[in-house]
Amino acid sequence: MPRPLWTGAISFGLVTIPIKIISATEDRSVHFHQVHLEDMGRVRTRKVCELEDAVVPQDEIGKGYELTKDEVVPVTDEELDEMPLPTAKAIEIVAFVDADSIDPIRISDSYFLAIDGQVAAKPYTLLRKALERSDKVAVAKFAWHGRERLGLLRVREDAIVLHSMRWPDEIRSPESLTPKATDLDEDEIERAVQLTDTLAMDDISGFRDQYRDALEELIEAKSEGKELAEQAEGEERESGKVVDLMAALNASVRAAKEARGEHGGGAVVHEMRPSRKTPAKKKTAPAKKTAAKKAAASKKSTARKPAAKKRSAS
């Protein structure tokens, strides 16, 4: 189990639940160091005072708030510790709401809440059952890294999850980004809806980070001295090109269906075409010529027989 990031308690009315916060996610990205390419030595960041142009030791570094370009107010860690923060060691539940009422843009990092001691097992289970049966999520306040935050508690696979949330005034308004009113054809809207239906799926757990996979293969190949495989060139897209929206939607629907092995919802009937080597017309032509030749030969033989009889009679 990962190391706990925070220990405290959930305050649920008069119920207290000792818990530990454990990160619910992990960073699987490939990370690089900055190195000197000539000798592969590490290049590190040093903290330098811009007035003295000298490296400053960590014990001489503090916090300061810039009022103006020339005026900075120092704030010490002791002063911050003395600030009134009721939720310093508690996740205080303040409300229960429907999950659909929470805008996903407000949700930030996610953490699992684990019990801190067996004494917390019963009240932890009680809160979990209450959330499940009420079909609600809990909104809570808690302190994190020296500031008070808003959180969301919900149930996932018999565990309580804490999502840190942004305060309402931290969300920017998209009003200035909304495009002006534009005319849309009803067929275009219906085709777009059809595309969403074609791309719909119940489970997205199969998606993988293909870039990370390729990057790991690159690192492995270079570490073993192997030749690098040629990367397939992606399709180039022209930027700023005006396209036929309906044609693009139709093509997208067809591509999505082909990717799923669908062909218009039924069997595909292919037209049977004659082979180039033995065309159907060429087969019948010799038959007609042969019949014509036989008819002509028959006429000739019939015409010759009476002439032969006349000669014998004379």
Protein backbone atom coordinates (compact mmCIF):
# COMPACT_ATOMS: atom_id res chain seq x y z
CA MET A 1 0.00 0.00 0.00
CA PRO A 2 1.33 3.51 -0.83
CA ARG A 3 2.46 5.77 1.99
CA PRO A 4 -0.40 7.84 3.49
CA LEU A 5 -0.38 11.48 2.41
CA TRP A 6 -2.48 12.78 5.31
CA THR A 7 -3.97 11.44 8.54
CA GLY A 8 -6.95 12.82 10.38
CA ALA A 9 -10.66 12.06 10.70
CA ILE A 10 -13.98 12.43 8.92
CA SER A 11 -16.43 14.56 10.89
CA PHE A 12 -19.91 13.18 10.17
CA GLY A 13 -22.31 15.00 12.50
CA LEU A 14 -21.23 13.77 15.94
CA VAL A 15 -19.51 10.73 14.40
CA THR A 16 -15.72 10.79 14.03
CA ILE A 17 -13.98 8.36 11.67
CA PRO A 18 -10.17 8.16 11.91
CA ILE A 19 -8.83 7.86 8.34
CA LYS A 20 -5.71 8.04 6.20
CA ILE A 21 -5.59 9.66 2.76
CA ILE A 22 -3.96 7.55 0.04
CA SER A 23 -3.54 8.68 -3.54
CA ALA A 24 -6.09 6.97 -5.80
CA THR A 25 -4.02 7.46 -8.95
CA GLU A 26 -0.42 7.02 -10.03
CA ASP A 27 1.65 8.78 -12.65
CA ARG A 28 2.70 6.28 -15.32
CA SER A 29 4.29 8.85 -17.62
CA VAL A 30 7.90 8.44 -18.73
CA HIS A 31 10.05 11.10 -17.07
CA PHE A 32 13.42 12.42 -18.24
CA HIS A 33 16.35 14.10 -16.52
CA GLN A 34 18.11 17.10 -17.98
CA VAL A 35 21.65 16.02 -18.88
CA HIS A 36 24.79 17.47 -20.42
CA LEU A 37 24.91 15.74 -23.83
CA GLU A 38 28.70 15.75 -24.02
CA ASP A 39 29.24 13.60 -20.91
CA MET A 40 25.68 12.67 -19.77
CA GLY A 41 26.18 14.50 -16.46
CA ARG A 42 23.01 15.59 -14.63
CA VAL A 43 22.00 19.23 -15.02
CA ARG A 44 20.33 20.39 -11.81
CA THR A 45 18.34 23.47 -10.87
CA ARG A 46 19.93 25.73 -8.30
CA LYS A 47 18.14 28.40 -6.28
CA VAL A 48 19.95 31.67 -6.82
CA CYS A 49 19.25 35.07 -5.24
CA GLU A 50 18.85 37.51 -8.13
CA LEU A 51 20.25 40.40 -6.07
CA GLU A 52 23.41 38.66 -4.84
CA ASP A 53 23.73 36.29 -7.82
CA ALA A 54 24.62 33.50 -5.39
CA VAL A 55 23.15 30.10 -4.50
CA VAL A 56 20.90 30.35 -1.40
CA PRO A 57 20.78 27.45 1.12
CA GLN A 58 17.36 26.02 1.92
CA ASP A 59 17.33 27.32 5.53
CA GLU A 60 17.53 30.90 4.22
CA ILE A 61 14.57 30.55 1.84
CA GLY A 62 11.12 31.72 3.01
CA LYS A 63 7.79 32.92 1.61
CA GLY A 64 6.96 36.41 0.45
CA TYR A 65 3.91 38.07 -1.07
CA GLU A 66 4.59 40.64 -3.78
CA LEU A 67 2.47 43.75 -3.20
CA THR A 68 4.24 45.72 -5.93
CA LYS A 69 7.31 45.13 -8.07
CA ASP A 70 9.49 46.74 -5.41
CA GLU A 71 7.63 45.74 -2.24
CA VAL A 72 7.43 42.18 -0.86
CA VAL A 73 5.78 41.20 2.42
CA PRO A 74 7.50 38.23 4.17
CA VAL A 75 5.24 35.54 5.72
CA THR A 76 6.80 32.91 7.99
CA ASP A 77 5.77 29.28 8.42
CA GLU A 78 5.06 29.96 12.10
CA GLU A 79 2.56 32.68 11.17
CA LEU A 80 0.85 30.31 8.74
CA ASP A 81 0.66 27.59 11.39
CA GLU A 82 -1.10 29.98 13.75
CA MET A 83 -3.79 30.84 11.19
CA PRO A 84 -7.27 29.62 12.28
CA LEU A 85 -7.97 26.48 10.26
CA PRO A 86 -10.74 24.35 11.83
CA THR A 87 -10.33 21.61 9.22
CA ALA A 88 -6.59 21.18 9.80
CA LYS A 89 -7.05 17.58 10.91
CA ALA A 90 -10.62 16.86 9.90
CA ILE A 91 -12.65 16.31 6.73
CA GLU A 92 -15.83 18.07 7.79
CA ILE A 93 -18.95 16.99 5.88
CA VAL A 94 -21.17 20.04 5.34
CA ALA A 95 -23.83 18.79 2.91
CA PHE A 96 -25.19 15.85 0.92
CA VAL A 97 -26.14 16.50 -2.73
CA ASP A 98 -27.03 14.62 -5.91
CA ALA A 99 -23.94 13.61 -7.89
CA ASP A 100 -25.41 15.12 -11.08
CA SER A 101 -25.45 18.56 -9.44
CA ILE A 102 -21.62 18.69 -9.32
CA ASP A 103 -19.99 20.14 -12.42
CA PRO A 104 -17.07 17.80 -13.40
CA ILE A 105 -14.89 20.84 -14.17
CA ARG A 106 -14.68 21.49 -10.43
CA ILE A 107 -13.25 18.04 -9.62
CA SER A 108 -9.47 17.82 -9.29
CA ASP A 109 -7.28 15.10 -7.71
CA SER A 110 -8.66 11.86 -6.27
CA TYR A 111 -7.75 10.00 -3.08
CA PHE A 112 -8.86 6.84 -1.30
CA LEU A 113 -9.83 7.12 2.35
CA ALA A 114 -8.61 4.16 4.40
CA ILE A 115 -9.47 3.45 8.04
CA ASP A 116 -6.82 4.36 10.61
CA GLY A 117 -7.24 1.50 13.07
CA GLN A 118 -9.94 -1.10 13.51
CA VAL A 119 -11.98 1.27 15.68
CA ALA A 120 -12.82 3.21 12.52
CA ALA A 121 -14.24 0.17 10.67
CA LYS A 122 -17.83 0.48 11.92
CA PRO A 123 -18.36 4.25 11.45
CA TYR A 124 -16.54 4.04 8.06
CA THR A 125 -18.92 1.30 6.91
CA LEU A 126 -21.87 3.27 8.29
CA LEU A 127 -20.98 6.34 6.19
CA ARG A 128 -20.41 4.20 3.11
CA LYS A 129 -23.78 2.47 3.50
CA ALA A 130 -25.51 5.83 4.03
CA LEU A 131 -24.00 7.22 0.81
CA GLU A 132 -24.96 4.10 -1.14
CA ARG A 133 -28.54 3.93 0.13
CA SER A 134 -29.25 7.64 -0.23
CA ASP A 135 -27.65 7.73 -3.70
CA LYS A 136 -25.96 10.98 -2.67
CA VAL A 137 -22.44 12.34 -2.49
CA ALA A 138 -21.05 14.31 0.43
CA VAL A 139 -19.55 17.80 0.17
CA ALA A 140 -16.84 18.44 2.74
CA LYS A 141 -14.21 20.98 3.79
CA PHE A 142 -10.66 19.94 4.58
CA ALA A 143 -7.19 21.47 4.88
CA TRP A 144 -4.44 20.54 2.45
CA HIS A 145 -0.97 22.08 2.08
CA GLY A 146 -1.76 25.05 4.25
CA ARG A 147 -5.10 26.06 2.75
CA GLU A 148 -8.72 25.07 3.12
CA ARG A 149 -10.25 23.13 0.27
CA LEU A 150 -13.61 21.82 -0.82
CA GLY A 151 -14.01 18.06 -1.27
CA LEU A 152 -16.44 15.48 -2.57
CA LEU A 153 -16.93 12.07 -0.94
CA ARG A 154 -18.40 9.17 -2.90
CA VAL A 155 -18.29 5.36 -2.88
CA ARG A 156 -16.22 3.27 -5.30
CA GLU A 157 -15.99 -0.51 -4.90
CA ASP A 158 -16.70 -0.48 -1.13
CA ALA A 159 -14.18 2.32 -0.52
CA ILE A 160 -14.83 5.99 0.13
CA VAL A 161 -13.13 8.31 -2.35
CA LEU A 162 -12.23 11.93 -1.71
CA HIS A 163 -12.13 14.25 -4.74
CA SER A 164 -10.61 17.66 -4.10
CA MET A 165 -12.72 20.37 -5.71
CA ARG A 166 -12.21 23.95 -6.78
CA TRP A 167 -14.16 26.72 -5.14
CA PRO A 168 -16.93 28.27 -7.28
CA ASP A 169 -14.98 31.52 -7.80
CA GLU A 170 -12.01 29.54 -9.17
CA ILE A 171 -13.94 28.48 -12.28
CA ARG A 172 -13.61 30.90 -15.18
CA SER A 173 -16.68 31.86 -17.19
CA PRO A 174 -16.68 30.49 -20.77
CA GLU A 175 -18.98 33.30 -21.92
CA SER A 176 -16.30 35.01 -24.00
CA LEU A 177 -15.41 31.71 -25.68
CA THR A 178 -18.90 30.76 -26.82
CA PRO A 179 -19.22 31.11 -30.64
CA LYS A 180 -21.81 33.40 -32.13
CA ALA A 181 -25.16 32.00 -33.22
CA THR A 182 -24.90 29.98 -36.42
CA ASP A 183 -27.36 28.22 -38.70
CA LEU A 184 -27.42 24.43 -38.54
CA ASP A 185 -29.38 22.11 -40.75
CA GLU A 186 -31.55 19.58 -38.92
CA ASP A 187 -30.04 16.77 -40.99
CA GLU A 188 -26.56 17.78 -39.80
CA ILE A 189 -27.67 17.60 -36.17
CA GLU A 190 -29.31 14.20 -36.69
CA ARG A 191 -26.19 12.90 -38.44
CA ALA A 192 -24.02 14.14 -35.55
CA VAL A 193 -26.33 12.32 -33.09
CA GLN A 194 -25.99 9.18 -35.22
CA LEU A 195 -22.22 9.51 -34.98
CA THR A 196 -22.42 9.68 -31.17
CA ASP A 197 -24.56 6.53 -31.19
CA THR A 198 -22.07 4.75 -33.44
CA LEU A 199 -19.15 5.68 -31.17
CA ALA A 200 -20.98 4.87 -27.94
CA MET A 201 -19.46 2.24 -25.64
CA ASP A 202 -20.13 0.96 -22.14
CA ASP A 203 -16.53 0.36 -21.05
CA ILE A 204 -13.44 2.49 -21.75
CA SER A 205 -11.03 0.45 -19.64
CA GLY A 206 -9.33 -0.93 -22.76
CA PHE A 207 -7.76 2.38 -23.81
CA ARG A 208 -3.97 2.58 -23.56
CA ASP A 209 -1.40 5.35 -23.80
CA GLN A 210 0.11 4.40 -27.18
CA TYR A 211 2.62 7.23 -27.03
CA ARG A 212 3.98 5.92 -23.71
CA ASP A 213 4.21 2.38 -25.13
CA ALA A 214 6.18 3.64 -28.13
CA LEU A 215 8.41 5.74 -25.88
CA GLU A 216 9.22 2.74 -23.67
CA GLU A 217 10.07 0.69 -26.78
CA LEU A 218 12.36 3.49 -27.95
CA ILE A 219 14.20 3.60 -24.60
CA GLU A 220 14.51 -0.20 -24.50
CA ALA A 221 15.89 -0.34 -28.06
CA LYS A 222 18.44 2.40 -27.38
CA SER A 223 19.56 0.80 -24.10
CA GLU A 224 20.19 -2.50 -25.91
CA GLY A 225 21.89 -0.88 -28.90
CA LYS A 226 19.23 -2.01 -31.35
CA GLU A 227 18.27 -0.16 -34.51
CA LEU A 228 15.24 2.06 -34.15
CA ALA A 229 12.18 0.91 -36.03
CA GLU A 230 10.78 3.34 -38.58
CA GLN A 231 7.76 5.14 -37.27
CA ALA A 232 4.65 5.10 -39.42
CA GLU A 233 3.87 8.51 -40.78
CA GLY A 234 0.58 9.92 -39.64
CA GLU A 235 -1.90 11.54 -41.95
CA GLU A 236 -1.28 15.22 -42.45
CA ARG A 237 -4.28 17.41 -41.92
CA GLU A 238 -4.61 20.76 -43.54
CA SER A 239 -5.28 23.41 -40.93
CA GLY A 240 -7.89 26.05 -41.54
CA LYS A 241 -9.44 24.17 -44.46
CA VAL A 242 -13.18 24.68 -44.89
CA VAL A 243 -14.88 21.29 -45.22
CA ASP A 244 -18.35 20.12 -46.14
CA LEU A 245 -19.80 19.43 -42.68
CA MET A 246 -22.39 16.92 -43.86
CA ALA A 247 -19.83 15.03 -45.96
CA ALA A 248 -17.46 14.93 -42.98
CA LEU A 249 -20.22 13.57 -40.72
CA ASN A 250 -21.19 10.91 -43.25
CA ALA A 251 -17.57 9.86 -43.66
CA SER A 252 -17.12 9.74 -39.88
CA VAL A 253 -20.18 7.51 -39.43
CA ARG A 254 -18.95 5.15 -42.17
CA ALA A 255 -15.45 4.99 -40.68
CA ALA A 256 -16.84 4.30 -37.19
CA LYS A 257 -19.04 1.49 -38.51
CA GLU A 258 -16.17 -0.07 -40.44
CA ALA A 259 -13.97 0.08 -37.33
CA ARG A 260 -16.66 -1.90 -35.46
CA GLY A 261 -17.12 -4.36 -38.31
CA GLU A 262 -20.54 -2.97 -39.23
CA HIS A 263 -21.66 -2.55 -42.84
CA GLY A 264 -24.89 -0.61 -42.90
CA GLY A 265 -26.61 -2.98 -40.48
CA GLY A 266 -26.86 -5.95 -42.88
CA ALA A 267 -25.00 -8.17 -45.30
CA VAL A 268 -23.04 -6.53 -48.07
CA VAL A 269 -24.06 -7.75 -51.55
CA HIS A 270 -21.29 -7.52 -54.11
CA GLU A 271 -22.15 -7.33 -57.82
CA MET A 272 -20.83 -10.34 -59.78
CA ARG A 273 -18.75 -9.16 -62.68
CA PRO A 274 -17.41 -11.42 -65.52
CA SER A 275 -13.73 -12.24 -65.55
CA ARG A 276 -11.49 -10.18 -67.81
CA LYS A 277 -9.90 -13.34 -69.30
CA THR A 278 -13.16 -14.96 -70.46
CA PRO A 279 -15.79 -12.29 -71.02
CA ALA A 280 -19.35 -13.54 -71.33
CA LYS A 281 -19.88 -11.85 -74.70
CA LYS A 282 -16.88 -13.55 -76.29
CA LYS A 283 -18.24 -16.98 -75.27
CA THR A 284 -21.56 -16.53 -77.10
CA ALA A 285 -20.08 -14.96 -80.23
CA PRO A 286 -18.33 -18.13 -81.54
CA ALA A 287 -21.52 -20.14 -80.98
CA LYS A 288 -23.52 -17.75 -83.20
CA LYS A 289 -20.87 -17.88 -85.93
CA THR A 290 -20.80 -21.70 -85.87
CA ALA A 291 -24.58 -21.88 -86.19
CA ALA A 292 -24.49 -19.47 -89.11
CA LYS A 293 -21.78 -21.50 -90.85
CA LYS A 294 -23.79 -24.73 -90.41
CA ALA A 295 -26.91 -23.08 -91.87
CA ALA A 296 -24.96 -21.82 -94.87
CA ALA A 297 -23.36 -25.21 -95.48
CA SER A 298 -26.75 -26.88 -95.26
CA LYS A 299 -28.17 -24.53 -97.91
CA LYS A 300 -25.25 -25.21 -100.22
CA SER A 301 -25.56 -28.98 -99.92
CA THR A 302 -29.29 -28.80 -100.60
CA ALA A 303 -28.74 -26.64 -103.64
CA ARG A 304 -26.10 -28.98 -105.09
CA LYS A 305 -28.14 -32.24 -104.80
CA PRO A 306 -30.87 -31.36 -107.39
CA ALA A 307 -28.22 -30.24 -109.89
CA ALA A 308 -26.52 -33.58 -109.62
CA LYS A 309 -29.81 -35.45 -110.38
CA LYS A 310 -30.46 -33.41 -113.52
CA ARG A 311 -27.02 -34.26 -114.90
CA SER A 312 -27.53 -37.99 -114.41
CA ALA A 313 -30.91 -37.90 -116.17
CA SER A 314 -29.53 -36.35 -119.30
